[in-house]
C-alpha atoms as a PDB file:
ATOM      1  CA  MET A   1      -6.123  52.447 -21.355  1.00  0.00           C
ATOM      2  CA  ALA A   2      -9.589  53.001 -20.092  1.00  0.00           C
ATOM      3  CA  LEU A   3      -9.313  56.846 -20.739  1.00  0.00           C
ATOM      4  CA  SER A   4      -8.574  56.563 -24.611  1.00  0.00           C
ATOM      5  CA  MET A   5     -11.059  54.004 -24.929  1.00  0.00           C
ATOM      6  CA  THR A   6     -13.492  56.517 -23.521  1.00  0.00           C
ATOM      7  CA  THR A   7     -11.773  59.077 -25.784  1.00  0.00           C
ATOM      8  CA  SER A   8     -11.676  56.894 -29.145  1.00  0.00           C
ATOM      9  CA  ARG A   9     -15.418  56.356 -28.753  1.00  0.00           C
ATOM     10  CA  ARG A  10     -16.310  59.717 -27.738  1.00  0.00           C
ATOM     11  CA  VAL A  11     -13.854  60.884 -31.633  1.00  0.00           C
ATOM     12  CA  VAL A  12     -16.520  58.087 -32.784  1.00  0.00           C
ATOM     13  CA  LYS A  13     -19.539  59.603 -32.140  1.00  0.00           C
ATOM     14  CA  GLY A  14     -18.831  63.152 -32.786  1.00  0.00           C
ATOM     15  CA  VAL A  15     -17.644  61.924 -36.483  1.00  0.00           C
ATOM     16  CA  SER A  16     -20.625  59.647 -36.538  1.00  0.00           C
ATOM     17  CA  ASN A  17     -23.388  63.082 -35.521  1.00  0.00           C
ATOM     18  CA  THR A  18     -21.798  65.371 -37.409  1.00  0.00           C
ATOM     19  CA  MET A  19     -21.857  63.043 -40.214  1.00  0.00           C
ATOM     20  CA  LEU A  20     -26.047  62.550 -39.638  1.00  0.00           C
ATOM     21  CA  ALA A  21     -26.295  66.539 -39.355  1.00  0.00           C
ATOM     22  CA  LEU A  22     -24.764  66.308 -43.183  1.00  0.00           C
ATOM     23  CA  MET A  23     -26.925  63.880 -44.842  1.00  0.00           C
ATOM     24  CA  VAL A  24     -30.235  65.646 -42.489  1.00  0.00           C
ATOM     25  CA  LEU A  25     -28.778  69.596 -44.190  1.00  0.00           C
ATOM     26  CA  TRP A  26     -27.836  67.506 -47.500  1.00  0.00           C
ATOM     27  CA  THR A  27     -31.341  66.260 -47.492  1.00  0.00           C
ATOM     28  CA  VAL A  28     -33.222  68.951 -45.639  1.00  0.00           C
ATOM     29  CA  ILE A  29     -31.834  72.448 -47.787  1.00  0.00           C
ATOM     30  CA  PRO A  30     -32.595  71.226 -51.095  1.00  0.00           C
ATOM     31  CA  ILE A  31     -36.558  70.706 -49.961  1.00  0.00           C
ATOM     32  CA  TYR A  32     -36.535  74.153 -47.788  1.00  0.00           C
ATOM     33  CA  TRP A  33     -36.143  75.878 -50.706  1.00  0.00           C
ATOM     34  CA  MET A  34     -38.568  74.569 -52.904  1.00  0.00           C
ATOM     35  CA  VAL A  35     -40.325  75.245 -50.582  1.00  0.00           C
ATOM     36  CA  VAL A  36     -39.636  79.186 -50.226  1.00  0.00           C
ATOM     37  CA  THR A  37     -39.216  79.593 -54.150  1.00  0.00           C
ATOM     38  CA  SER A  38     -42.362  78.530 -53.938  1.00  0.00           C
ATOM     39  CA  LEU A  39     -43.741  81.420 -51.413  1.00  0.00           C
ATOM     40  CA  LYS A  40     -42.101  83.306 -53.596  1.00  0.00           C
ATOM     41  CA  PRO A  41     -42.897  86.207 -56.402  1.00  0.00           C
ATOM     42  CA  ASN A  42     -41.292  86.452 -59.472  1.00  0.00           C
ATOM     43  CA  THR A  43     -39.649  89.907 -58.244  1.00  0.00           C
ATOM     44  CA  GLU A  44     -38.207  88.309 -55.354  1.00  0.00           C
ATOM     45  CA  ILE A  45     -37.012  85.439 -57.523  1.00  0.00           C
ATOM     46  CA  TYR A  46     -36.052  86.575 -59.773  1.00  0.00           C
ATOM     47  CA  GLY A  47     -34.359  89.577 -58.555  1.00  0.00           C
ATOM     48  CA  SER A  48     -30.578  90.616 -58.121  1.00  0.00           C
ATOM     49  CA  GLU A  49     -30.679  89.308 -54.517  1.00  0.00           C
ATOM     50  CA  ILE A  50     -30.789  86.314 -52.549  1.00  0.00           C
ATOM     51  CA  THR A  51     -33.179  85.932 -49.674  1.00  0.00           C
ATOM     52  CA  LEU A  52     -33.477  82.533 -47.808  1.00  0.00           C
ATOM     53  CA  ILE A  53     -36.906  83.775 -46.257  1.00  0.00           C
ATOM     54  CA  PRO A  54     -39.466  85.379 -47.997  1.00  0.00           C
ATOM     55  CA  GLN A  55     -40.304  89.271 -47.746  1.00  0.00           C
ATOM     56  CA  ALA A  56     -43.421  88.966 -49.305  1.00  0.00           C
ATOM     57  CA  PRO A  57     -44.923  85.568 -49.143  1.00  0.00           C
ATOM     58  CA  SER A  58     -47.209  84.476 -51.571  1.00  0.00           C
ATOM     59  CA  LEU A  59     -49.746  81.642 -52.526  1.00  0.00           C
ATOM     60  CA  LYS A  60     -50.415  83.249 -56.262  1.00  0.00           C
ATOM     61  CA  ASN A  61     -47.896  80.276 -56.981  1.00  0.00           C
ATOM     62  CA  TYR A  62     -50.108  77.728 -56.821  1.00  0.00           C
ATOM     63  CA  VAL A  63     -53.032  79.990 -57.752  1.00  0.00           C
ATOM     64  CA  THR A  64     -51.533  79.745 -60.707  1.00  0.00           C
ATOM     65  CA  VAL A  65     -50.588  76.385 -60.689  1.00  0.00           C
ATOM     66  CA  PHE A  66     -54.366  74.934 -60.416  1.00  0.00           C
ATOM     67  CA  ARG A  67     -56.173  77.842 -61.959  1.00  0.00           C
ATOM     68  CA  GLU A  68     -53.343  78.270 -65.164  1.00  0.00           C
ATOM     69  CA  THR A  69     -52.099  74.568 -65.865  1.00  0.00           C
ATOM     70  CA  PRO A  70     -53.504  71.387 -66.288  1.00  0.00           C
ATOM     71  CA  TYR A  71     -52.035  70.176 -63.112  1.00  0.00           C
ATOM     72  CA  LEU A  72     -54.750  68.652 -61.971  1.00  0.00           C
ATOM     73  CA  VAL A  73     -55.357  65.944 -65.263  1.00  0.00           C
ATOM     74  CA  PHE A  74     -51.778  65.485 -64.445  1.00  0.00           C
ATOM     75  CA  LEU A  75     -52.482  64.531 -60.553  1.00  0.00           C
ATOM     76  CA  ARG A  76     -55.572  62.126 -61.904  1.00  0.00           C
ATOM     77  CA  ASN A  77     -52.909  59.915 -64.328  1.00  0.00           C
ATOM     78  CA  SER A  78     -50.557  59.915 -61.822  1.00  0.00           C
ATOM     79  CA  ILE A  79     -52.983  58.846 -58.942  1.00  0.00           C
ATOM     80  CA  THR A  80     -54.589  56.034 -62.198  1.00  0.00           C
ATOM     81  CA  VAL A  81     -51.423  54.856 -62.951  1.00  0.00           C
ATOM     82  CA  ALA A  82     -49.668  54.163 -59.660  1.00  0.00           C
ATOM     83  CA  VAL A  83     -52.958  52.645 -57.879  1.00  0.00           C
ATOM     84  CA  GLY A  84     -54.202  50.386 -60.998  1.00  0.00           C
ATOM     85  CA  SER A  85     -50.576  49.114 -61.114  1.00  0.00           C
ATOM     86  CA  THR A  86     -50.126  48.413 -57.749  1.00  0.00           C
ATOM     87  CA  LEU A  87     -53.565  46.455 -56.991  1.00  0.00           C
ATOM     88  CA  LEU A  88     -52.569  44.723 -59.859  1.00  0.00           C
ATOM     89  CA  SER A  89     -48.998  43.858 -59.119  1.00  0.00           C
ATOM     90  CA  ILE A  90     -50.264  42.868 -55.241  1.00  0.00           C
ATOM     91  CA  ILE A  91     -52.679  40.778 -57.037  1.00  0.00           C
ATOM     92  CA  ALA A  92     -50.097  39.412 -59.375  1.00  0.00           C
ATOM     93  CA  GLY A  93     -47.289  39.146 -57.231  1.00  0.00           C
ATOM     94  CA  CYS A  94     -49.467  37.479 -53.432  1.00  0.00           C
ATOM     95  CA  LEU A  95     -50.586  34.798 -55.970  1.00  0.00           C
ATOM     96  CA  GLY A  96     -46.895  33.959 -58.118  1.00  0.00           C
ATOM     97  CA  ALA A  97     -45.758  34.138 -54.724  1.00  0.00           C
ATOM     98  CA  TYR A  98     -47.652  31.857 -52.937  1.00  0.00           C
ATOM     99  CA  ALA A  99     -47.273  29.328 -56.119  1.00  0.00           C
ATOM    100  CA  ILE A 100     -43.700  29.792 -56.141  1.00  0.00           C
ATOM    101  CA  ALA A 101     -43.862  29.217 -52.186  1.00  0.00           C
ATOM    102  CA  ARG A 102     -45.988  26.173 -51.328  1.00  0.00           C
ATOM    103  CA  LEU A 103     -46.866  24.008 -54.067  1.00  0.00           C
ATOM    104  CA  ASN A 104     -44.629  21.735 -56.482  1.00  0.00           C
ATOM    105  CA  PHE A 105     -43.828  22.531 -59.810  1.00  0.00           C
ATOM    106  CA  PRO A 106     -41.328  22.458 -62.639  1.00  0.00           C
ATOM    107  CA  GLY A 107     -39.485  25.146 -63.143  1.00  0.00           C
ATOM    108  CA  ARG A 108     -40.063  26.181 -59.840  1.00  0.00           C
ATOM    109  CA  ASN A 109     -36.522  27.122 -58.837  1.00  0.00           C
ATOM    110  CA  PHE A 110     -35.632  28.483 -61.840  1.00  0.00           C
ATOM    111  CA  LEU A 111     -39.408  30.610 -61.901  1.00  0.00           C
ATOM    112  CA  ALA A 112     -37.392  31.983 -58.664  1.00  0.00           C
ATOM    113  CA  ARG A 113     -34.401  32.919 -60.293  1.00  0.00           C
ATOM    114  CA  GLY A 114     -36.302  34.453 -63.733  1.00  0.00           C
ATOM    115  CA  LEU A 115     -37.169  36.970 -60.734  1.00  0.00           C
ATOM    116  CA  VAL A 116     -34.895  38.524 -59.885  1.00  0.00           C
ATOM    117  CA  VAL A 117     -32.887  38.392 -63.120  1.00  0.00           C
ATOM    118  CA  THR A 118     -36.392  40.324 -64.305  1.00  0.00           C
ATOM    119  CA  TYR A 119     -36.524  43.230 -62.213  1.00  0.00           C
ATOM    120  CA  LEU A 120     -32.954  43.888 -62.250  1.00  0.00           C
ATOM    121  CA  VAL A 121     -32.604  44.910 -65.785  1.00  0.00           C
ATOM    122  CA  PRO A 122     -32.275  48.416 -66.559  1.00  0.00           C
ATOM    123  CA  PRO A 123     -35.230  50.662 -67.821  1.00  0.00           C
ATOM    124  CA  SER A 124     -33.052  52.276 -69.823  1.00  0.00           C
ATOM    125  CA  LEU A 125     -32.621  48.872 -71.991  1.00  0.00           C
ATOM    126  CA  LEU A 126     -36.011  47.823 -72.104  1.00  0.00           C
ATOM    127  CA  PHE A 127     -38.441  51.346 -73.473  1.00  0.00           C
ATOM    128  CA  SER A 128     -37.418  50.666 -77.179  1.00  0.00           C
ATOM    129  CA  PRO A 129     -38.466  47.546 -77.527  1.00  0.00           C
ATOM    130  CA  LEU A 130     -41.488  48.216 -75.081  1.00  0.00           C
ATOM    131  CA  PHE A 131     -42.203  51.557 -77.517  1.00  0.00           C
ATOM    132  CA  ALA A 132     -42.100  49.300 -80.436  1.00  0.00           C
ATOM    133  CA  LEU A 133     -44.429  46.812 -78.113  1.00  0.00           C
ATOM    134  CA  MET A 134     -46.930  49.230 -77.329  1.00  0.00           C
ATOM    135  CA  SER A 135     -47.441  51.720 -80.389  1.00  0.00           C
ATOM    136  CA  ALA A 136     -47.920  47.898 -82.698  1.00  0.00           C
ATOM    137  CA  ILE A 137     -51.287  46.712 -80.003  1.00  0.00           C
ATOM    138  CA  HIS A 138     -52.042  50.769 -79.748  1.00  0.00           C
ATOM    139  CA  LEU A 139     -51.263  51.710 -76.840  1.00  0.00           C
ATOM    140  CA  THR A 140     -49.093  54.880 -76.346  1.00  0.00           C
ATOM    141  CA  ASN A 141     -50.591  57.001 -74.939  1.00  0.00           C
ATOM    142  CA  SER A 142     -52.631  55.845 -72.569  1.00  0.00           C
ATOM    143  CA  LEU A 143     -52.765  55.360 -69.015  1.00  0.00           C
ATOM    144  CA  PHE A 144     -54.138  51.369 -69.525  1.00  0.00           C
ATOM    145  CA  GLY A 145     -51.001  51.028 -71.174  1.00  0.00           C
ATOM    146  CA  LEU A 146     -48.432  52.770 -69.237  1.00  0.00           C
ATOM    147  CA  THR A 147     -49.817  51.010 -65.980  1.00  0.00           C
ATOM    148  CA  LEU A 148     -48.911  47.431 -67.848  1.00  0.00           C
ATOM    149  CA  VAL A 149     -45.096  48.966 -68.617  1.00  0.00           C
ATOM    150  CA  TYR A 150     -44.784  49.417 -65.073  1.00  0.00           C
ATOM    151  CA  LEU A 151     -46.259  45.138 -64.225  1.00  0.00           C
ATOM    152  CA  GLY A 152     -43.414  44.158 -66.262  1.00  0.00           C
ATOM    153  CA  SER A 153     -40.861  45.665 -62.801  1.00  0.00           C
ATOM    154  CA  ASP A 154     -43.275  45.201 -60.301  1.00  0.00           C
ATOM    155  CA  VAL A 155     -44.828  42.376 -60.349  1.00  0.00           C
ATOM    156  CA  PRO A 156     -41.203  40.775 -60.337  1.00  0.00           C
ATOM    157  CA  PHE A 157     -40.124  42.895 -56.436  1.00  0.00           C
ATOM    158  CA  CYS A 158     -44.036  41.895 -55.189  1.00  0.00           C
ATOM    159  CA  THR A 159     -43.155  38.477 -56.445  1.00  0.00           C
ATOM    160  CA  TRP A 160     -39.320  37.895 -55.011  1.00  0.00           C
ATOM    161  CA  LEU A 161     -40.214  40.194 -51.751  1.00  0.00           C
ATOM    162  CA  LEU A 162     -43.430  38.364 -50.616  1.00  0.00           C
ATOM    163  CA  MET A 163     -41.734  34.576 -51.849  1.00  0.00           C
ATOM    164  CA  GLY A 164     -39.877  34.822 -48.684  1.00  0.00           C
ATOM    165  CA  TYR A 165     -42.832  35.770 -46.304  1.00  0.00           C
ATOM    166  CA  PHE A 166     -45.041  33.477 -47.700  1.00  0.00           C
ATOM    167  CA  ARG A 167     -42.763  30.523 -46.746  1.00  0.00           C
ATOM    168  CA  SER A 168     -42.094  32.051 -42.886  1.00  0.00           C
ATOM    169  CA  VAL A 169     -45.907  31.696 -42.135  1.00  0.00           C
ATOM    170  CA  PRO A 170     -46.037  27.688 -40.775  1.00  0.00           C
ATOM    171  CA  VAL A 171     -46.886  25.771 -43.165  1.00  0.00           C
ATOM    172  CA  GLU A 172     -48.767  23.614 -40.563  1.00  0.00           C
ATOM    173  CA  LEU A 173     -51.272  26.445 -40.437  1.00  0.00           C
ATOM    174  CA  GLU A 174     -52.593  25.957 -44.291  1.00  0.00           C
ATOM    175  CA  GLU A 175     -52.799  22.538 -43.324  1.00  0.00           C
ATOM    176  CA  ALA A 176     -55.098  22.758 -40.586  1.00  0.00           C
ATOM    177  CA  ALA A 177     -57.652  25.265 -42.496  1.00  0.00           C
ATOM    178  CA  LEU A 178     -57.307  22.493 -45.033  1.00  0.00           C
ATOM    179  CA  VAL A 179     -58.784  20.393 -43.368  1.00  0.00           C
ATOM    180  CA  ASP A 180     -61.520  22.526 -42.048  1.00  0.00           C
ATOM    181  CA  GLY A 181     -62.357  22.539 -45.760  1.00  0.00           C
ATOM    182  CA  CYS A 182     -60.825  25.326 -47.354  1.00  0.00           C
ATOM    183  CA  ASN A 183     -58.546  25.614 -50.603  1.00  0.00           C
ATOM    184  CA  ARG A 184     -55.988  27.189 -51.771  1.00  0.00           C
ATOM    185  CA  VAL A 185     -57.047  30.193 -52.156  1.00  0.00           C
ATOM    186  CA  THR A 186     -59.168  30.628 -49.017  1.00  0.00           C
ATOM    187  CA  ALA A 187     -56.324  29.969 -47.235  1.00  0.00           C
ATOM    188  CA  LEU A 188     -54.021  31.671 -49.199  1.00  0.00           C
ATOM    189  CA  ILE A 189     -56.123  34.784 -48.375  1.00  0.00           C
ATOM    190  CA  ARG A 190     -57.405  33.606 -44.356  1.00  0.00           C
ATOM    191  CA  ILE A 191     -54.193  32.708 -43.336  1.00  0.00           C
ATOM    192  CA  VAL A 192     -51.190  33.851 -45.159  1.00  0.00           C
ATOM    193  CA  LEU A 193     -52.235  37.230 -46.428  1.00  0.00           C
ATOM    194  CA  PRO A 194     -52.861  38.458 -42.353  1.00  0.00           C
ATOM    195  CA  LEU A 195     -49.683  36.740 -41.229  1.00  0.00           C
ATOM    196  CA  SER A 196     -48.102  38.550 -44.056  1.00  0.00           C
ATOM    197  CA  LEU A 197     -49.536  41.847 -43.838  1.00  0.00           C
ATOM    198  CA  PRO A 198     -46.534  44.161 -43.132  1.00  0.00           C
ATOM    199  CA  ALA A 199     -44.219  42.543 -45.851  1.00  0.00           C
ATOM    200  CA  ILE A 200     -47.491  43.392 -48.222  1.00  0.00           C
ATOM    201  CA  VAL A 201     -47.317  47.182 -46.783  1.00  0.00           C
ATOM    202  CA  VAL A 202     -43.853  47.253 -47.608  1.00  0.00           C
ATOM    203  CA  VAL A 203     -44.822  46.377 -51.138  1.00  0.00           C
ATOM    204  CA  ILE A 204     -47.449  48.625 -51.503  1.00  0.00           C
ATOM    205  CA  PHE A 205     -45.341  51.502 -50.717  1.00  0.00           C
ATOM    206  CA  PHE A 206     -42.764  50.851 -53.358  1.00  0.00           C
ATOM    207  CA  SER A 207     -45.050  50.005 -56.239  1.00  0.00           C
ATOM    208  CA  PHE A 208     -46.783  53.129 -55.069  1.00  0.00           C
ATOM    209  CA  THR A 209     -43.870  55.133 -54.959  1.00  0.00           C
ATOM    210  CA  ARG A 210     -42.283  53.992 -57.587  1.00  0.00           C
ATOM    211  CA  ALA A 211     -45.349  54.361 -60.504  1.00  0.00           C
ATOM    212  CA  TRP A 212     -45.582  57.723 -58.676  1.00  0.00           C
ATOM    213  CA  ASN A 213     -41.853  58.974 -59.251  1.00  0.00           C
ATOM    214  CA  GLU A 214     -41.527  56.831 -62.558  1.00  0.00           C
ATOM    215  CA  PHE A 215     -39.828  59.464 -65.341  1.00  0.00           C
ATOM    216  CA  LEU A 216     -38.309  57.427 -67.978  1.00  0.00           C
ATOM    217  CA  TYR A 217     -41.275  55.348 -68.788  1.00  0.00           C
ATOM    218  CA  ALA A 218     -43.461  57.889 -69.258  1.00  0.00           C
ATOM    219  CA  HIS A 219     -41.754  60.576 -71.186  1.00  0.00           C
ATOM    220  CA  VAL A 220     -41.788  57.307 -73.851  1.00  0.00           C
ATOM    221  CA  PHE A 221     -44.777  56.399 -73.914  1.00  0.00           C
ATOM    222  CA  THR A 222     -46.614  59.886 -73.372  1.00  0.00           C
ATOM    223  CA  SER A 223     -46.665  63.031 -75.754  1.00  0.00           C
ATOM    224  CA  THR A 224     -50.376  64.452 -74.704  1.00  0.00           C
ATOM    225  CA  ASN A 225     -51.312  66.250 -72.102  1.00  0.00           C
ATOM    226  CA  SER A 226     -54.222  64.468 -71.136  1.00  0.00           C
ATOM    227  CA  ALA A 227     -51.905  60.926 -71.123  1.00  0.00           C
ATOM    228  CA  ARG A 228     -49.489  62.764 -69.417  1.00  0.00           C
ATOM    229  CA  THR A 229     -48.544  61.792 -65.696  1.00  0.00           C
ATOM    230  CA  LEU A 230     -46.933  64.227 -62.845  1.00  0.00           C
ATOM    231  CA  THR A 231     -43.438  64.016 -63.497  1.00  0.00           C
ATOM    232  CA  THR A 232     -43.805  64.599 -67.356  1.00  0.00           C
ATOM    233  CA  GLY A 233     -45.869  67.083 -66.524  1.00  0.00           C
ATOM    234  CA  LEU A 234     -43.529  69.424 -64.962  1.00  0.00           C
ATOM    235  CA  ALA A 235     -42.379  70.318 -68.375  1.00  0.00           C
ATOM    236  CA  ILE A 236     -44.995  72.599 -69.086  1.00  0.00           C
ATOM    237  CA  PHE A 237     -42.659  74.990 -66.948  1.00  0.00           C
ATOM    238  CA  MET A 238     -39.827  75.019 -68.254  1.00  0.00           C
ATOM    239  CA  ASN A 239     -40.028  76.059 -72.018  1.00  0.00           C
ATOM    240  CA  GLU A 240     -36.136  75.906 -73.544  1.00  0.00           C
ATOM    241  CA  ASP A 241     -33.955  77.965 -70.812  1.00  0.00           C
ATOM    242  CA  VAL A 242     -36.448  79.602 -69.179  1.00  0.00           C
ATOM    243  CA  PHE A 243     -37.508  77.983 -66.386  1.00  0.00           C
ATOM    244  CA  VAL A 244     -41.174  79.472 -64.584  1.00  0.00           C
ATOM    245  CA  TRP A 245     -39.276  78.560 -61.122  1.00  0.00           C
ATOM    246  CA  GLY A 246     -42.513  79.869 -58.518  1.00  0.00           C
ATOM    247  CA  PRO A 247     -45.159  77.465 -60.305  1.00  0.00           C
ATOM    248  CA  LEU A 248     -43.004  74.342 -60.672  1.00  0.00           C
ATOM    249  CA  MET A 249     -41.810  74.324 -57.132  1.00  0.00           C
ATOM    250  CA  ALA A 250     -45.337  75.172 -56.011  1.00  0.00           C
ATOM    251  CA  SER A 251     -46.405  71.758 -58.656  1.00  0.00           C
ATOM    252  CA  THR A 252     -43.838  69.870 -57.433  1.00  0.00           C
ATOM    253  CA  ILE A 253     -44.294  70.283 -53.059  1.00  0.00           C
ATOM    254  CA  LEU A 254     -48.091  69.219 -54.059  1.00  0.00           C
ATOM    255  CA  SER A 255     -46.418  66.254 -56.160  1.00  0.00           C
ATOM    256  CA  ALA A 256     -44.210  65.480 -53.517  1.00  0.00           C
ATOM    257  CA  LEU A 257     -47.511  64.837 -50.639  1.00  0.00           C
ATOM    258  CA  PRO A 258     -48.514  61.776 -51.427  1.00  0.00           C
ATOM    259  CA  PRO A 259     -46.029  59.782 -51.319  1.00  0.00           C
ATOM    260  CA  VAL A 260     -45.110  61.670 -47.921  1.00  0.00           C
ATOM    261  CA  LEU A 261     -48.232  61.024 -46.311  1.00  0.00           C
ATOM    262  CA  MET A 262     -48.685  57.431 -47.579  1.00  0.00           C
ATOM    263  CA  PHE A 263     -45.554  57.398 -45.801  1.00  0.00           C
ATOM    264  CA  LEU A 264     -47.024  58.714 -42.143  1.00  0.00           C
ATOM    265  CA  LEU A 265     -50.117  57.059 -42.657  1.00  0.00           C
ATOM    266  CA  LEU A 266     -48.055  53.402 -43.371  1.00  0.00           C
ATOM    267  CA  GLN A 267     -44.729  53.919 -41.895  1.00  0.00           C
ATOM    268  CA  ARG A 268     -45.557  51.205 -38.354  1.00  0.00           C
ATOM    269  CA  TRP A 269     -46.454  48.665 -41.306  1.00  0.00           C
ATOM    270  CA  VAL A 270     -43.377  49.707 -43.492  1.00  0.00           C
ATOM    271  CA  VAL A 271     -40.434  49.927 -40.693  1.00  0.00           C
ATOM    272  CA  GLN A 272     -41.910  46.390 -39.267  1.00  0.00           C
ATOM    273  CA  GLY A 273     -42.088  45.272 -42.466  1.00  0.00           C
ATOM    274  CA  LEU A 274     -38.861  46.154 -43.938  1.00  0.00           C
ATOM    275  CA  THR A 275     -37.567  44.907 -39.753  1.00  0.00           C
ATOM    276  CA  LEU A 276     -38.695  41.250 -40.491  1.00  0.00           C
ATOM    277  CA  GLY A 277     -37.402  41.521 -43.565  1.00  0.00           C
ATOM    278  CA  GLY A 278     -34.022  41.947 -42.350  1.00  0.00           C
ATOM    279  CA  VAL A 279     -33.821  39.688 -40.205  1.00  0.00           C
ATOM    280  CA  LYS A 280     -35.346  36.641 -42.031  1.00  0.00           C
ATOM    281  CA  GLY A 281     -32.331  37.594 -45.541  1.00  0.00           C
END
């Protein structure tokens, strides 16, 4: 009996390790191929033989991206929109979550449930009315307009996630701060926000990466290079059925670096926030 249980555990462990290895390969191989392609010259990319390792690695594709394309303009636009939407979402989300978690007012529960419904609406159903609205107020091809559009889904997400964390903060701490002369805003800033730092970091990370990687709204609301972000700007390397693979892969690698670096810097707080969120349900 003991032998059969040991054998079963080994089989389960072997299957689990195999599945994990396949998932790692499924993730790593495309990234490896992008890096390899970005380092290959055109003669090797379009040659008849497929090479897994560049025979003559070169940074020429990266030089082409910076010197011959408006990549830096796209990068600036993505940073502006992602940082702007993240900051506004955090401010609105913190205030909204605190109001719903701590204040008693008519329709509070309805508003909380409405946030979930708003966040779950697919973007493909909203871009047509949003485009009509943004066109009417002349905010198409505008970084400010694109930032406002992202707030429509980022604010409900931030508010809903932060509500649970704010409710976990002992209300006695805020009451003590109010007795000492703080008002609601200072109690939020001095008591609640420091204790909810892991959740705030998680919200910042997800809001930033969502705005950085978003394509549909950026494609619909921008049509000029001066307003395009990285996700839509990379289309300049694709002309009908012609793909400029070297610069395309180089620009893709460069575009993926900011979220990766951000995660590496914040991973301790992100993991802690996700863990606490999972425990609190």
